[in-house]
Amino acid sequence: MKATIWHNPNCGTSRKTLEILRETPGIELDVVEYLKTPPSREVLAQLYADAGLTPRQGLRTRGSPAEELGLSEADADTILDAMVREPILIERPLVRTEKGVRLCRPQDVVRDIL
């Protein structure tokens, strides 16, 4: 099974999720360090739609400039545009497999799509 993780190596939850994926037999893993290679607006919107999340639910507020940018009251389009400009605003890790997409907080949520 193929799996893609949008990963931040500085995040403990992201590292733990990656570890689960690497330890799962039969996983063909693609690791995307999203701070270096951010997803396009279209990909990000589709990931959230597939995960059943709104962009607001995927917005990282802790340790990001979300509040300073006025995103707490912003609409979905504004949030997505901001995430593309400043990928630190994307909550992580996002994981996609053929069984779906999850925002893996906590990391064990990834098991739902393995």
PDB file of N, CA and C in Angstrom:
ATOM      1  N   MET A   1       0.848  -1.176   0.000  1.00  0.00           N
ATOM      2  CA  MET A   1       0.000   0.000   0.000  1.00  0.00           C
ATOM      3  C   MET A   1       0.896   1.242   0.000  1.00  0.00           C
ATOM      4  N   LYS A   2       0.501   2.215  -0.811  1.00  0.00           N
ATOM      5  CA  LYS A   2       1.225   3.480  -0.851  1.00  0.00           C
ATOM      6  C   LYS A   2       0.718   4.401   0.254  1.00  0.00           C
ATOM      7  N   ALA A   3       1.653   5.155   0.831  1.00  0.00           N
ATOM      8  CA  ALA A   3       1.304   6.157   1.839  1.00  0.00           C
ATOM      9  C   ALA A   3       2.173   7.386   1.613  1.00  0.00           C
ATOM     10  N   THR A   4       1.553   8.542   1.749  1.00  0.00           N
ATOM     11  CA  THR A   4       2.277   9.806   1.683  1.00  0.00           C
ATOM     12  C   THR A   4       2.056  10.529   2.989  1.00  0.00           C
ATOM     13  N   ILE A   5       3.150  11.011   3.568  1.00  0.00           N
ATOM     14  CA  ILE A   5       3.064  11.811   4.784  1.00  0.00           C
ATOM     15  C   ILE A   5       3.631  13.191   4.502  1.00  0.00           C
ATOM     16  N   TRP A   6       2.859  14.214   4.877  1.00  0.00           N
ATOM     17  CA  TRP A   6       3.350  15.589   4.833  1.00  0.00           C
ATOM     18  C   TRP A   6       3.914  15.827   6.216  1.00  0.00           C
ATOM     19  N   HIS A   7       5.242  15.860   6.285  1.00  0.00           N
ATOM     20  CA  HIS A   7       6.012  15.667   7.507  1.00  0.00           C
ATOM     21  C   HIS A   7       6.842  16.894   7.855  1.00  0.00           C
ATOM     22  N   ASN A   8       6.964  17.132   9.163  1.00  0.00           N
ATOM     23  CA  ASN A   8       7.897  18.123   9.686  1.00  0.00           C
ATOM     24  C   ASN A   8       8.808  17.378  10.653  1.00  0.00           C
ATOM     25  N   PRO A   9      10.103  17.217  10.305  1.00  0.00           N
ATOM     26  CA  PRO A   9      10.999  16.451  11.162  1.00  0.00           C
ATOM     27  C   PRO A   9      11.228  17.077  12.534  1.00  0.00           C
ATOM     28  N   ASN A  10      10.846  18.331  12.730  1.00  0.00           N
ATOM     29  CA  ASN A  10      10.997  18.982  14.031  1.00  0.00           C
ATOM     30  C   ASN A  10       9.813  18.735  14.957  1.00  0.00           C
ATOM     31  N   CYS A  11       8.793  18.057  14.469  1.00  0.00           N
ATOM     32  CA  CYS A  11       7.567  17.802  15.234  1.00  0.00           C
ATOM     33  C   CYS A  11       7.574  16.362  15.769  1.00  0.00           C
ATOM     34  N   GLY A  12       7.433  16.224  17.074  1.00  0.00           N
ATOM     35  CA  GLY A  12       7.434  14.901  17.683  1.00  0.00           C
ATOM     36  C   GLY A  12       6.291  14.022  17.197  1.00  0.00           C
ATOM     37  N   THR A  13       5.087  14.575  17.060  1.00  0.00           N
ATOM     38  CA  THR A  13       3.945  13.799  16.582  1.00  0.00           C
ATOM     39  C   THR A  13       4.186  13.333  15.151  1.00  0.00           C
ATOM     40  N   SER A  14       4.753  14.198  14.337  1.00  0.00           N
ATOM     41  CA  SER A  14       5.054  13.832  12.955  1.00  0.00           C
ATOM     42  C   SER A  14       6.103  12.724  12.905  1.00  0.00           C
ATOM     43  N   ARG A  15       7.132  12.832  13.738  1.00  0.00           N
ATOM     44  CA  ARG A  15       8.168  11.780  13.781  1.00  0.00           C
ATOM     45  C   ARG A  15       7.580  10.446  14.237  1.00  0.00           C
ATOM     46  N   LYS A  16       6.701  10.482  15.236  1.00  0.00           N
ATOM     47  CA  LYS A  16       6.082   9.244  15.730  1.00  0.00           C
ATOM     48  C   LYS A  16       5.176   8.628  14.668  1.00  0.00           C
ATOM     49  N   THR A  17       4.439   9.457  13.942  1.00  0.00           N
ATOM     50  CA  THR A  17       3.585   8.953  12.859  1.00  0.00           C
ATOM     51  C   THR A  17       4.430   8.318  11.769  1.00  0.00           C
ATOM     52  N   LEU A  18       5.523   8.975  11.411  1.00  0.00           N
ATOM     53  CA  LEU A  18       6.434   8.434  10.406  1.00  0.00           C
ATOM     54  C   LEU A  18       6.996   7.085  10.863  1.00  0.00           C
ATOM     55  N   GLU A  19       7.313   6.978  12.122  1.00  0.00           N
ATOM     56  CA  GLU A  19       7.826   5.720  12.667  1.00  0.00           C
ATOM     57  C   GLU A  19       6.791   4.598  12.527  1.00  0.00           C
ATOM     58  N   ILE A  20       5.531   4.900  12.821  1.00  0.00           N
ATOM     59  CA  ILE A  20       4.462   3.899  12.659  1.00  0.00           C
ATOM     60  C   ILE A  20       4.395   3.450  11.203  1.00  0.00           C
ATOM     61  N   LEU A  21       4.440   4.407  10.286  1.00  0.00           N
ATOM     62  CA  LEU A  21       4.376   4.071   8.859  1.00  0.00           C
ATOM     63  C   LEU A  21       5.558   3.208   8.445  1.00  0.00           C
ATOM     64  N   ARG A  22       6.745   3.557   8.904  1.00  0.00           N
ATOM     65  CA  ARG A  22       7.946   2.788   8.537  1.00  0.00           C
ATOM     66  C   ARG A  22       7.934   1.387   9.131  1.00  0.00           C
ATOM     67  N   GLU A  23       7.297   1.214  10.275  1.00  0.00           N
ATOM     68  CA  GLU A  23       7.250  -0.097  10.929  1.00  0.00           C
ATOM     69  C   GLU A  23       6.122  -0.982  10.411  1.00  0.00           C
ATOM     70  N   THR A  24       5.235  -0.425   9.594  1.00  0.00           N
ATOM     71  CA  THR A  24       4.102  -1.194   9.079  1.00  0.00           C
ATOM     72  C   THR A  24       4.516  -1.941   7.820  1.00  0.00           C
ATOM     73  N   PRO A  25       4.439  -3.264   7.844  1.00  0.00           N
ATOM     74  CA  PRO A  25       4.836  -4.041   6.665  1.00  0.00           C
ATOM     75  C   PRO A  25       3.989  -3.691   5.440  1.00  0.00           C
ATOM     76  N   GLY A  26       4.619  -3.675   4.286  1.00  0.00           N
ATOM     77  CA  GLY A  26       3.916  -3.483   3.024  1.00  0.00           C
ATOM     78  C   GLY A  26       3.629  -2.044   2.658  1.00  0.00           C
ATOM     79  N   ILE A  27       4.162  -1.091   3.407  1.00  0.00           N
ATOM     80  CA  ILE A  27       3.922   0.325   3.103  1.00  0.00           C
ATOM     81  C   ILE A  27       5.022   0.832   2.173  1.00  0.00           C
ATOM     82  N   GLU A  28       4.591   1.397   1.055  1.00  0.00           N
ATOM     83  CA  GLU A  28       5.500   2.092   0.136  1.00  0.00           C
ATOM     84  C   GLU A  28       5.351   3.576   0.457  1.00  0.00           C
ATOM     85  N   LEU A  29       6.358   4.131   1.116  1.00  0.00           N
ATOM     86  CA  LEU A  29       6.229   5.435   1.749  1.00  0.00           C
ATOM     87  C   LEU A  29       6.860   6.564   0.944  1.00  0.00           C
ATOM     88  N   ASP A  30       6.112   7.654   0.842  1.00  0.00           N
ATOM     89  CA  ASP A  30       6.610   8.891   0.253  1.00  0.00           C
ATOM     90  C   ASP A  30       6.551   9.940   1.358  1.00  0.00           C
ATOM     91  N   VAL A  31       7.715  10.493   1.713  1.00  0.00           N
ATOM     92  CA  VAL A  31       7.802  11.498   2.765  1.00  0.00           C
ATOM     93  C   VAL A  31       8.003  12.860   2.118  1.00  0.00           C
ATOM     94  N   VAL A  32       7.077  13.773   2.388  1.00  0.00           N
ATOM     95  CA  VAL A  32       7.157  15.131   1.853  1.00  0.00           C
ATOM     96  C   VAL A  32       7.386  16.075   3.028  1.00  0.00           C
ATOM     97  N   GLU A  33       8.546  16.697   3.063  1.00  0.00           N
ATOM     98  CA  GLU A  33       8.796  17.713   4.081  1.00  0.00           C
ATOM     99  C   GLU A  33       8.110  18.987   3.606  1.00  0.00           C
ATOM    100  N   TYR A  34       6.898  19.192   4.094  1.00  0.00           N
ATOM    101  CA  TYR A  34       6.026  20.227   3.542  1.00  0.00           C
ATOM    102  C   TYR A  34       6.537  21.650   3.759  1.00  0.00           C
ATOM    103  N   LEU A  35       7.445  21.864   4.711  1.00  0.00           N
ATOM    104  CA  LEU A  35       8.014  23.207   4.862  1.00  0.00           C
ATOM    105  C   LEU A  35       8.979  23.517   3.726  1.00  0.00           C
ATOM    106  N   LYS A  36       9.612  22.471   3.171  1.00  0.00           N
ATOM    107  CA  LYS A  36      10.521  22.631   2.027  1.00  0.00           C
ATOM    108  C   LYS A  36       9.777  22.525   0.703  1.00  0.00           C
ATOM    109  N   THR A  37       8.777  21.648   0.656  1.00  0.00           N
ATOM    110  CA  THR A  37       8.002  21.394  -0.556  1.00  0.00           C
ATOM    111  C   THR A  37       6.517  21.440  -0.191  1.00  0.00           C
ATOM    112  N   PRO A  38       5.960  22.644  -0.073  1.00  0.00           N
ATOM    113  CA  PRO A  38       4.555  22.730   0.346  1.00  0.00           C
ATOM    114  C   PRO A  38       3.603  22.210  -0.724  1.00  0.00           C
ATOM    115  N   PRO A  39       2.480  21.659  -0.291  1.00  0.00           N
ATOM    116  CA  PRO A  39       1.473  21.229  -1.264  1.00  0.00           C
ATOM    117  C   PRO A  39       0.860  22.447  -1.947  1.00  0.00           C
ATOM    118  N   SER A  40       0.372  22.242  -3.146  1.00  0.00           N
ATOM    119  CA  SER A  40      -0.340  23.322  -3.838  1.00  0.00           C
ATOM    120  C   SER A  40      -1.663  23.576  -3.119  1.00  0.00           C
ATOM    121  N   ARG A  41      -2.268  24.678  -3.435  1.00  0.00           N
ATOM    122  CA  ARG A  41      -3.569  25.016  -2.851  1.00  0.00           C
ATOM    123  C   ARG A  41      -4.594  23.938  -3.178  1.00  0.00           C
ATOM    124  N   GLU A  42      -4.563  23.447  -4.420  1.00  0.00           N
ATOM    125  CA  GLU A  42      -5.509  22.426  -4.854  1.00  0.00           C
ATOM    126  C   GLU A  42      -5.306  21.113  -4.097  1.00  0.00           C
ATOM    127  N   VAL A  43      -4.048  20.714  -3.939  1.00  0.00           N
ATOM    128  CA  VAL A  43      -3.754  19.475  -3.210  1.00  0.00           C
ATOM    129  C   VAL A  43      -4.189  19.615  -1.762  1.00  0.00           C
ATOM    130  N   LEU A  44      -3.869  20.738  -1.157  1.00  0.00           N
ATOM    131  CA  LEU A  44      -4.231  20.960   0.241  1.00  0.00           C
ATOM    132  C   LEU A  44      -5.750  20.939   0.430  1.00  0.00           C
ATOM    133  N   ALA A  45      -6.468  21.616  -0.439  1.00  0.00           N
ATOM    134  CA  ALA A  45      -7.929  21.626  -0.360  1.00  0.00           C
ATOM    135  C   ALA A  45      -8.485  20.209  -0.501  1.00  0.00           C
ATOM    136  N   GLN A  46      -7.916  19.415  -1.409  1.00  0.00           N
ATOM    137  CA  GLN A  46      -8.384  18.040  -1.605  1.00  0.00           C
ATOM    138  C   GLN A  46      -8.059  17.168  -0.400  1.00  0.00           C
ATOM    139  N   LEU A  47      -6.879  17.345   0.181  1.00  0.00           N
ATOM    140  CA  LEU A  47      -6.522  16.579   1.379  1.00  0.00           C
ATOM    141  C   LEU A  47      -7.531  16.835   2.496  1.00  0.00           C
ATOM    142  N   TYR A  48      -7.853  18.110   2.721  1.00  0.00           N
ATOM    143  CA  TYR A  48      -8.824  18.425   3.767  1.00  0.00           C
ATOM    144  C   TYR A  48     -10.202  17.861   3.440  1.00  0.00           C
ATOM    145  N   ALA A  49     -10.621  17.988   2.194  1.00  0.00           N
ATOM    146  CA  ALA A  49     -11.923  17.435   1.796  1.00  0.00           C
ATOM    147  C   ALA A  49     -11.954  15.929   2.019  1.00  0.00           C
ATOM    148  N   ASP A  50     -10.895  15.241   1.618  1.00  0.00           N
ATOM    149  CA  ASP A  50     -10.834  13.782   1.771  1.00  0.00           C
ATOM    150  C   ASP A  50     -10.774  13.355   3.238  1.00  0.00           C
ATOM    151  N   ALA A  51     -10.216  14.224   4.078  1.00  0.00           N
ATOM    152  CA  ALA A  51     -10.131  13.921   5.508  1.00  0.00           C
ATOM    153  C   ALA A  51     -11.395  14.331   6.260  1.00  0.00           C
ATOM    154  N   GLY A  52     -12.308  15.021   5.554  1.00  0.00           N
ATOM    155  CA  GLY A  52     -13.521  15.493   6.205  1.00  0.00           C
ATOM    156  C   GLY A  52     -13.257  16.674   7.123  1.00  0.00           C
ATOM    157  N   LEU A  53     -12.245  17.461   6.790  1.00  0.00           N
ATOM    158  CA  LEU A  53     -11.871  18.617   7.598  1.00  0.00           C
ATOM    159  C   LEU A  53     -12.079  19.911   6.819  1.00  0.00           C
ATOM    160  N   THR A  54     -12.270  20.976   7.543  1.00  0.00           N
ATOM    161  CA  THR A  54     -12.252  22.298   6.929  1.00  0.00           C
ATOM    162  C   THR A  54     -10.823  22.823   7.005  1.00  0.00           C
ATOM    163  N   PRO A  55     -10.473  23.782   6.164  1.00  0.00           N
ATOM    164  CA  PRO A  55      -9.146  24.392   6.297  1.00  0.00           C
ATOM    165  C   PRO A  55      -8.911  24.952   7.709  1.00  0.00           C
ATOM    166  N   ARG A  56      -9.929  25.494   8.330  1.00  0.00           N
ATOM    167  CA  ARG A  56      -9.772  26.004   9.701  1.00  0.00           C
ATOM    168  C   ARG A  56      -9.353  24.882  10.656  1.00  0.00           C
ATOM    169  N   GLN A  57      -9.930  23.684  10.469  1.00  0.00           N
ATOM    170  CA  GLN A  57      -9.559  22.554  11.322  1.00  0.00           C
ATOM    171  C   GLN A  57      -8.135  22.088  11.049  1.00  0.00           C
ATOM    172  N   GLY A  58      -7.623  22.386   9.873  1.00  0.00           N
ATOM    173  CA  GLY A  58      -6.255  22.030   9.513  1.00  0.00           C
ATOM    174  C   GLY A  58      -5.257  23.139   9.758  1.00  0.00           C
ATOM    175  N   LEU A  59      -5.706  24.226  10.356  1.00  0.00           N
ATOM    176  CA  LEU A  59      -4.849  25.380  10.614  1.00  0.00           C
ATOM    177  C   LEU A  59      -4.063  25.183  11.903  1.00  0.00           C
ATOM    178  N   ARG A  60      -2.770  25.333  11.794  1.00  0.00           N
ATOM    179  CA  ARG A  60      -1.915  25.242  12.980  1.00  0.00           C
ATOM    180  C   ARG A  60      -1.904  26.609  13.647  1.00  0.00           C
ATOM    181  N   THR A  61      -2.387  26.658  14.868  1.00  0.00           N
ATOM    182  CA  THR A  61      -2.449  27.929  15.578  1.00  0.00           C
ATOM    183  C   THR A  61      -1.320  28.062  16.599  1.00  0.00           C
ATOM    184  N   ARG A  62      -0.915  26.960  17.175  1.00  0.00           N
ATOM    185  CA  ARG A  62       0.165  26.992  18.167  1.00  0.00           C
ATOM    186  C   ARG A  62       1.506  27.025  17.454  1.00  0.00           C
ATOM    187  N   GLY A  63       2.345  27.984  17.796  1.00  0.00           N
ATOM    188  CA  GLY A  63       3.677  28.058  17.202  1.00  0.00           C
ATOM    189  C   GLY A  63       3.672  28.527  15.758  1.00  0.00           C
ATOM    190  N   SER A  64       2.625  29.232  15.367  1.00  0.00           N
ATOM    191  CA  SER A  64       2.539  29.742  14.000  1.00  0.00           C
ATOM    192  C   SER A  64       2.022  31.182  14.056  1.00  0.00           C
ATOM    193  N   PRO A  65       2.135  31.897  12.958  1.00  0.00           N
ATOM    194  CA  PRO A  65       1.638  33.281  12.933  1.00  0.00           C
ATOM    195  C   PRO A  65       0.143  33.408  12.632  1.00  0.00           C
ATOM    196  N   ALA A  66      -0.626  32.369  12.834  1.00  0.00           N
ATOM    197  CA  ALA A  66      -2.052  32.382  12.484  1.00  0.00           C
ATOM    198  C   ALA A  66      -2.794  33.540  13.136  1.00  0.00           C
ATOM    199  N   GLU A  67      -2.574  33.736  14.418  1.00  0.00           N
ATOM    200  CA  GLU A  67      -3.270  34.799  15.143  1.00  0.00           C
ATOM    201  C   GLU A  67      -2.872  36.175  14.612  1.00  0.00           C
ATOM    202  N   GLU A  68      -1.570  36.387  14.430  1.00  0.00           N
ATOM    203  CA  GLU A  68      -1.085  37.679  13.937  1.00  0.00           C
ATOM    204  C   GLU A  68      -1.620  37.992  12.540  1.00  0.00           C
ATOM    205  N   LEU A  69      -1.855  36.946  11.759  1.00  0.00           N
ATOM    206  CA  LEU A  69      -2.367  37.128  10.403  1.00  0.00           C
ATOM    207  C   LEU A  69      -3.888  37.270  10.361  1.00  0.00           C
ATOM    208  N   GLY A  70      -4.521  37.210  11.521  1.00  0.00           N
ATOM    209  CA  GLY A  70      -5.967  37.378  11.588  1.00  0.00           C
ATOM    210  C   GLY A  70      -6.746  36.199  11.043  1.00  0.00           C
ATOM    211  N   LEU A  71      -6.170  34.991  11.110  1.00  0.00           N
ATOM    212  CA  LEU A  71      -6.806  33.826  10.501  1.00  0.00           C
ATOM    213  C   LEU A  71      -7.856  33.166  11.384  1.00  0.00           C
ATOM    214  N   SER A  72      -7.947  33.571  12.641  1.00  0.00           N
ATOM    215  CA  SER A  72      -8.925  32.931  13.526  1.00  0.00           C
ATOM    216  C   SER A  72     -10.357  33.190  13.078  1.00  0.00           C
ATOM    217  N   GLU A  73     -10.586  34.273  12.360  1.00  0.00           N
ATOM    218  CA  GLU A  73     -11.931  34.592  11.866  1.00  0.00           C
ATOM    219  C   GLU A  73     -12.013  34.553  10.340  1.00  0.00           C
ATOM    220  N   ALA A  74     -10.952  34.105   9.689  1.00  0.00           N
ATOM    221  CA  ALA A  74     -10.899  34.133   8.223  1.00  0.00           C
ATOM    222  C   ALA A  74     -11.727  33.001   7.611  1.00  0.00           C
ATOM    223  N   ASP A  75     -12.113  33.195   6.350  1.00  0.00           N
ATOM    224  CA  ASP A  75     -12.844  32.151   5.635  1.00  0.00           C
ATOM    225  C   ASP A  75     -11.868  31.103   5.087  1.00  0.00           C
ATOM    226  N   ALA A  76     -12.419  30.017   4.582  1.00  0.00           N
ATOM    227  CA  ALA A  76     -11.619  28.883   4.115  1.00  0.00           C
ATOM    228  C   ALA A  76     -10.642  29.274   3.014  1.00  0.00           C
ATOM    229  N   ASP A  77     -11.086  30.080   2.069  1.00  0.00           N
ATOM    230  CA  ASP A  77     -10.195  30.479   0.969  1.00  0.00           C
ATOM    231  C   ASP A  77      -9.012  31.286   1.474  1.00  0.00           C
ATOM    232  N   THR A  78      -9.254  32.184   2.389  1.00  0.00           N
ATOM    233  CA  THR A  78      -8.180  33.003   2.957  1.00  0.00           C
ATOM    234  C   THR A  78      -7.183  32.125   3.714  1.00  0.00           C
ATOM    235  N   ILE A  79      -7.696  31.159   4.457  1.00  0.00           N
ATOM    236  CA  ILE A  79      -6.824  30.250   5.210  1.00  0.00           C
ATOM    237  C   ILE A  79      -5.975  29.420   4.253  1.00  0.00           C
ATOM    238  N   LEU A  80      -6.585  28.859   3.214  1.00  0.00           N
ATOM    239  CA  LEU A  80      -5.815  28.070   2.241  1.00  0.00           C
ATOM    240  C   LEU A  80      -4.743  28.917   1.568  1.00  0.00           C
ATOM    241  N   ASP A  81      -5.084  30.123   1.176  1.00  0.00           N
ATOM    242  CA  ASP A  81      -4.095  31.011   0.547  1.00  0.00           C
ATOM    243  C   ASP A  81      -2.934  31.287   1.495  1.00  0.00           C
ATOM    244  N   ALA A  82      -3.241  31.517   2.763  1.00  0.00           N
ATOM    245  CA  ALA A  82      -2.196  31.772   3.756  1.00  0.00           C
ATOM    246  C   ALA A  82      -1.312  30.544   3.965  1.00  0.00           C
ATOM    247  N   MET A  83      -1.914  29.363   3.975  1.00  0.00           N
ATOM    248  CA  MET A  83      -1.151  28.124   4.155  1.00  0.00           C
ATOM    249  C   MET A  83      -0.165  27.913   3.007  1.00  0.00           C
ATOM    250  N   VAL A  84      -0.585  28.242   1.802  1.00  0.00           N
ATOM    251  CA  VAL A  84       0.299  28.083   0.645  1.00  0.00           C
ATOM    252  C   VAL A  84       1.469  29.063   0.751  1.00  0.00           C
ATOM    253  N   ARG A  85       1.192  30.290   1.183  1.00  0.00           N
ATOM    254  CA  ARG A  85       2.256  31.292   1.340  1.00  0.00           C
ATOM    255  C   ARG A  85       3.178  30.966   2.501  1.00  0.00           C
ATOM    256  N   GLU A  86       2.593  30.466   3.599  1.00  0.00           N
ATOM    257  CA  GLU A  86       3.345  30.192   4.819  1.00  0.00           C
ATOM    258  C   GLU A  86       2.991  28.782   5.310  1.00  0.00           C
ATOM    259  N   PRO A  87       3.688  27.766   4.807  1.00  0.00           N
ATOM    260  CA  PRO A  87       3.321  26.386   5.137  1.00  0.00           C
ATOM    261  C   PRO A  87       3.428  26.031   6.621  1.00  0.00           C
ATOM    262  N   ILE A  88       4.072  26.854   7.429  1.00  0.00           N
ATOM    263  CA  ILE A  88       4.104  26.601   8.871  1.00  0.00           C
ATOM    264  C   ILE A  88       2.692  26.629   9.455  1.00  0.00           C
ATOM    265  N   LEU A  89       1.742  27.196   8.710  1.00  0.00           N
ATOM    266  CA  LEU A  89       0.351  27.259   9.142  1.00  0.00           C
ATOM    267  C   LEU A  89      -0.385  25.933   8.984  1.00  0.00           C
ATOM    268  N   ILE A  90       0.208  24.984   8.286  1.00  0.00           N
ATOM    269  CA  ILE A  90      -0.432  23.681   8.058  1.00  0.00           C
ATOM    270  C   ILE A  90      -0.179  22.789   9.269  1.00  0.00           C
ATOM    271  N   GLU A  91      -1.266  22.345   9.906  1.00  0.00           N
ATOM    272  CA  GLU A  91      -1.120  21.399  11.012  1.00  0.00           C
ATOM    273  C   GLU A  91      -0.630  20.082  10.445  1.00  0.00           C
ATOM    274  N   ARG A  92       0.186  19.404  11.192  1.00  0.00           N
ATOM    275  CA  ARG A  92       0.806  18.181  10.699  1.00  0.00           C
ATOM    276  C   ARG A  92       0.727  17.100  11.762  1.00  0.00           C
ATOM    277  N   PRO A  93       0.965  15.876  11.299  1.00  0.00           N
ATOM    278  CA  PRO A  93       1.195  15.411   9.938  1.00  0.00           C
ATOM    279  C   PRO A  93      -0.105  15.002   9.253  1.00  0.00           C
ATOM    280  N   LEU A  94      -0.166  15.259   7.981  1.00  0.00           N
ATOM    281  CA  LEU A  94      -1.243  14.745   7.136  1.00  0.00           C
ATOM    282  C   LEU A  94      -0.730  13.481   6.464  1.00  0.00           C
ATOM    283  N   VAL A  95      -1.557  12.446   6.422  1.00  0.00           N
ATOM    284  CA  VAL A  95      -1.174  11.187   5.780  1.00  0.00           C
ATOM    285  C   VAL A  95      -2.290  10.757   4.842  1.00  0.00           C
ATOM    286  N   ARG A  96      -1.899  10.335   3.628  1.00  0.00           N
ATOM    287  CA  ARG A  96      -2.857   9.826   2.642  1.00  0.00           C
ATOM    288  C   ARG A  96      -2.455   8.406   2.265  1.00  0.00           C
ATOM    289  N   THR A  97      -3.435   7.513   2.274  1.00  0.00           N
ATOM    290  CA  THR A  97      -3.280   6.166   1.724  1.00  0.00           C
ATOM    291  C   THR A  97      -4.501   5.909   0.842  1.00  0.00           C
ATOM    292  N   GLU A  98      -4.567   4.721   0.265  1.00  0.00           N
ATOM    293  CA  GLU A  98      -5.739   4.380  -0.552  1.00  0.00           C
ATOM    294  C   GLU A  98      -7.004   4.277   0.301  1.00  0.00           C
ATOM    295  N   LYS A  99      -6.839   4.203   1.624  1.00  0.00           N
ATOM    296  CA  LYS A  99      -7.992   4.108   2.522  1.00  0.00           C
ATOM    297  C   LYS A  99      -8.463   5.456   3.036  1.00  0.00           C
ATOM    298  N   GLY A 100      -7.768   6.528   2.675  1.00  0.00           N
ATOM    299  CA  GLY A 100      -8.224   7.850   3.093  1.00  0.00           C
ATOM    300  C   GLY A 100      -7.101   8.771   3.507  1.00  0.00           C
ATOM    301  N   VAL A 101      -7.511   9.903   4.074  1.00  0.00           N
ATOM    302  CA  VAL A 101      -6.582  10.929   4.551  1.00  0.00           C
ATOM    303  C   VAL A 101      -6.912  11.211   6.007  1.00  0.00           C
ATOM    304  N   ARG A 102      -5.865  11.398   6.808  1.00  0.00           N
ATOM    305  CA  ARG A 102      -6.057  11.756   8.209  1.00  0.00           C
ATOM    306  C   ARG A 102      -5.044  12.813   8.617  1.00  0.00           C
ATOM    307  N   LEU A 103      -5.487  13.705   9.476  1.00  0.00           N
ATOM    308  CA  LEU A 103      -4.591  14.572  10.216  1.00  0.00           C
ATOM    309  C   LEU A 103      -4.251  13.772  11.464  1.00  0.00           C
ATOM    310  N   CYS A 104      -3.034  13.333  11.564  1.00  0.00           N
ATOM    311  CA  CYS A 104      -2.646  12.324  12.557  1.00  0.00           C
ATOM    312  C   CYS A 104      -2.191  12.948  13.871  1.00  0.00           C
ATOM    313  N   ARG A 105      -3.149  13.545  14.556  1.00  0.00           N
ATOM    314  CA  ARG A 105      -2.949  14.085  15.890  1.00  0.00           C
ATOM    315  C   ARG A 105      -4.045  13.502  16.763  1.00  0.00           C
ATOM    316  N   PRO A 106      -3.772  12.571  17.615  1.00  0.00           N
ATOM    317  CA  PRO A 106      -2.482  11.962  17.914  1.00  0.00           C
ATOM    318  C   PRO A 106      -2.031  11.000  16.815  1.00  0.00           C
ATOM    319  N   GLN A 107      -0.794  10.578  16.912  1.00  0.00           N
ATOM    320  CA  GLN A 107      -0.184   9.784  15.851  1.00  0.00           C
ATOM    321  C   GLN A 107      -0.891   8.461  15.581  1.00  0.00           C
ATOM    322  N   ASP A 108      -1.545   7.881  16.567  1.00  0.00           N
ATOM    323  CA  ASP A 108      -2.205   6.591  16.363  1.00  0.00           C
ATOM    324  C   ASP A 108      -3.388   6.665  15.396  1.00  0.00           C
ATOM    325  N   VAL A 109      -3.864   7.868  15.095  1.00  0.00           N
ATOM    326  CA  VAL A 109      -4.948   8.046  14.122  1.00  0.00           C
ATOM    327  C   VAL A 109      -4.547   7.466  12.766  1.00  0.00           C
ATOM    328  N   VAL A 110      -3.253   7.442  12.475  1.00  0.00           N
ATOM    329  CA  VAL A 110      -2.795   6.916  11.185  1.00  0.00           C
ATOM    330  C   VAL A 110      -3.227   5.460  11.003  1.00  0.00           C
ATOM    331  N   ARG A 111      -3.386   4.730  12.065  1.00  0.00           N
ATOM    332  CA  ARG A 111      -3.753   3.302  11.972  1.00  0.00           C
ATOM    333  C   ARG A 111      -5.130   3.122  11.329  1.00  0.00           C
ATOM    334  N   ASP A 112      -5.978   4.153  11.378  1.00  0.00           N
ATOM    335  CA  ASP A 112      -7.308   4.095  10.756  1.00  0.00           C
ATOM    336  C   ASP A 112      -7.239   3.894   9.244  1.00  0.00           C
ATOM    337  N   ILE A 113      -6.125   4.315   8.631  1.00  0.00           N
ATOM    338  CA  ILE A 113      -6.025   4.258   7.169  1.00  0.00           C
ATOM    339  C   ILE A 113      -4.928   3.304   6.706  1.00  0.00           C
ATOM    340  N   LEU A 114      -4.506   2.406   7.577  1.00  0.00           N
ATOM    341  CA  LEU A 114      -3.494   1.411   7.198  1.00  0.00           C
ATOM    342  C   LEU A 114      -4.133   0.049   6.987  1.00  0.00           C
TER     343      LEU A 114
END
